[in-house]
C-alpha atoms as a PDB file:
ATOM      1  CA  MET A   1     -15.061   8.525   4.106  1.00  0.00           C
ATOM      2  CA  SER A   2     -15.829   8.275   0.410  1.00  0.00           C
ATOM      3  CA  VAL A   3     -17.175   5.173  -1.295  1.00  0.00           C
ATOM      4  CA  GLU A   4     -13.919   4.873  -3.264  1.00  0.00           C
ATOM      5  CA  ARG A   5     -11.800   4.777  -0.117  1.00  0.00           C
ATOM      6  CA  ALA A   6     -14.259   2.484   1.659  1.00  0.00           C
ATOM      7  CA  THR A   7     -14.151   0.075  -1.282  1.00  0.00           C
ATOM      8  CA  ILE A   8     -10.354  -0.049  -1.191  1.00  0.00           C
ATOM      9  CA  ALA A   9     -10.400  -0.585   2.579  1.00  0.00           C
ATOM     10  CA  PHE A  10     -13.009  -3.343   2.215  1.00  0.00           C
ATOM     11  CA  ALA A  11     -10.980  -5.083  -0.512  1.00  0.00           C
ATOM     12  CA  GLY A  12      -7.853  -4.949   1.645  1.00  0.00           C
ATOM     13  CA  LEU A  13      -9.731  -6.359   4.618  1.00  0.00           C
ATOM     14  CA  MET A  14     -11.139  -9.196   2.499  1.00  0.00           C
ATOM     15  CA  VAL A  15      -7.683 -10.080   1.125  1.00  0.00           C
ATOM     16  CA  LEU A  16      -6.213 -10.209   4.632  1.00  0.00           C
ATOM     17  CA  LEU A  17      -9.164 -12.268   5.868  1.00  0.00           C
ATOM     18  CA  SER A  18      -8.895 -14.733   2.998  1.00  0.00           C
ATOM     19  CA  VAL A  19      -5.148 -15.176   3.552  1.00  0.00           C
ATOM     20  CA  ALA A  20      -5.726 -15.785   7.269  1.00  0.00           C
ATOM     21  CA  LEU A  21      -8.457 -18.327   6.480  1.00  0.00           C
ATOM     22  CA  THR A  22      -6.124 -20.042   4.012  1.00  0.00           C
ATOM     23  CA  ILE A  23      -3.330 -20.286   6.580  1.00  0.00           C
ATOM     24  CA  TRP A  24      -5.349 -21.260   9.641  1.00  0.00           C
ATOM     25  CA  ILE A  25      -8.509 -22.994   8.398  1.00  0.00           C
ATOM     26  CA  ASN A  26      -8.203 -24.632   4.984  1.00  0.00           C
ATOM     27  CA  ASP A  27      -5.990 -24.269   1.915  1.00  0.00           C
ATOM     28  CA  ASN A  28      -9.052 -24.034  -0.334  1.00  0.00           C
ATOM     29  CA  PHE A  29      -9.739 -20.508   0.953  1.00  0.00           C
ATOM     30  CA  ILE A  30      -7.022 -19.441  -1.499  1.00  0.00           C
ATOM     31  CA  TRP A  31      -9.825 -19.424  -4.078  1.00  0.00           C
ATOM     32  CA  PHE A  32     -11.494 -16.639  -2.101  1.00  0.00           C
ATOM     33  CA  THR A  33      -8.307 -14.607  -2.539  1.00  0.00           C
ATOM     34  CA  VAL A  34      -8.292 -15.400  -6.262  1.00  0.00           C
ATOM     35  CA  PHE A  35     -11.924 -14.285  -6.543  1.00  0.00           C
ATOM     36  CA  ILE A  36     -11.153 -10.983  -4.805  1.00  0.00           C
ATOM     37  CA  GLY A  37      -8.203 -10.340  -7.120  1.00  0.00           C
ATOM     38  CA  ALA A  38     -10.262 -11.154 -10.213  1.00  0.00           C
ATOM     39  CA  ASN A  39     -13.047  -8.848  -9.005  1.00  0.00           C
ATOM     40  CA  LEU A  40     -10.553  -6.022  -8.465  1.00  0.00           C
ATOM     41  CA  LEU A  41      -9.169  -6.475 -11.989  1.00  0.00           C
ATOM     42  CA  GLN A  42     -12.571  -6.553 -13.671  1.00  0.00           C
ATOM     43  CA  SER A  43     -13.770  -3.517 -11.730  1.00  0.00           C
ATOM     44  CA  ALA A  44     -10.694  -1.570 -12.859  1.00  0.00           C
ATOM     45  CA  TYR A  45     -11.703  -2.121 -16.488  1.00  0.00           C
ATOM     46  CA  THR A  46     -15.503  -2.146 -16.318  1.00  0.00           C
ATOM     47  CA  GLN A  47     -16.141   0.339 -13.478  1.00  0.00           C
ATOM     48  CA  PHE A  48     -18.624  -2.204 -12.057  1.00  0.00           C
ATOM     49  CA  CYS A  49     -18.032  -3.090  -8.407  1.00  0.00           C
ATOM     50  CA  PRO A  50     -20.734  -4.840  -6.356  1.00  0.00           C
ATOM     51  CA  ALA A  51     -19.085  -3.729  -3.098  1.00  0.00           C
ATOM     52  CA  ALA A  52     -19.227  -0.070  -4.173  1.00  0.00           C
ATOM     53  CA  ILE A  53     -22.913  -0.424  -5.059  1.00  0.00           C
ATOM     54  CA  ILE A  54     -23.668  -1.846  -1.616  1.00  0.00           C
ATOM     55  CA  LEU A  55     -21.610   0.848   0.110  1.00  0.00           C
ATOM     56  CA  CYS A  56     -23.523   3.548  -1.795  1.00  0.00           C
ATOM     57  CA  LYS A  57     -26.826   2.018  -0.716  1.00  0.00           C
ATOM     58  CA  ILE A  58     -25.810   2.138   2.937  1.00  0.00           C
ATOM     59  CA  GLY A  59     -24.952   5.822   2.710  1.00  0.00           C
ATOM     60  CA  PHE A  60     -21.393   6.359   1.493  1.00  0.00           C
ATOM     61  CA  GLN A  61     -20.923   9.186  -1.002  1.00  0.00           C
ATOM     62  CA  SER A  62     -18.482   9.434  -3.889  1.00  0.00           C
ATOM     63  CA  GLU A  63     -15.462  11.736  -3.853  1.00  0.00           C
ATOM     64  CA  ALA A  64     -17.279  14.020  -6.311  1.00  0.00           C
ATOM     65  CA  GLN A  65     -20.377  14.219  -4.126  1.00  0.00           C
ATOM     66  CA  LEU A  66     -18.276  15.003  -1.060  1.00  0.00           C
ATOM     67  CA  ALA A  67     -16.351  17.678  -2.960  1.00  0.00           C
ATOM     68  CA  THR A  68     -19.512  19.473  -4.086  1.00  0.00           C
ATOM     69  CA  ALA A  69     -21.052  19.190  -0.613  1.00  0.00           C
ATOM     70  CA  GLU A  70     -18.088  21.009   0.922  1.00  0.00           C
ATOM     71  CA  HIS A  71     -18.602  24.149  -1.189  1.00  0.00           C
END
């Protein structure tokens, strides 16, 4: 799995988790959802994503790296 796909999967998981926490634990967890959304927006414009950096450090490769490794 590429770092791009892993980042999208991680963001989706975090959104679902934050919604569940908001529903079942405390309404203030909605701010976690807001933070995730804001982070997704800023990363779309700045190409800076802390989650992607961490995923790269633990061994995920980019789509480009995977494409060149296959040839």
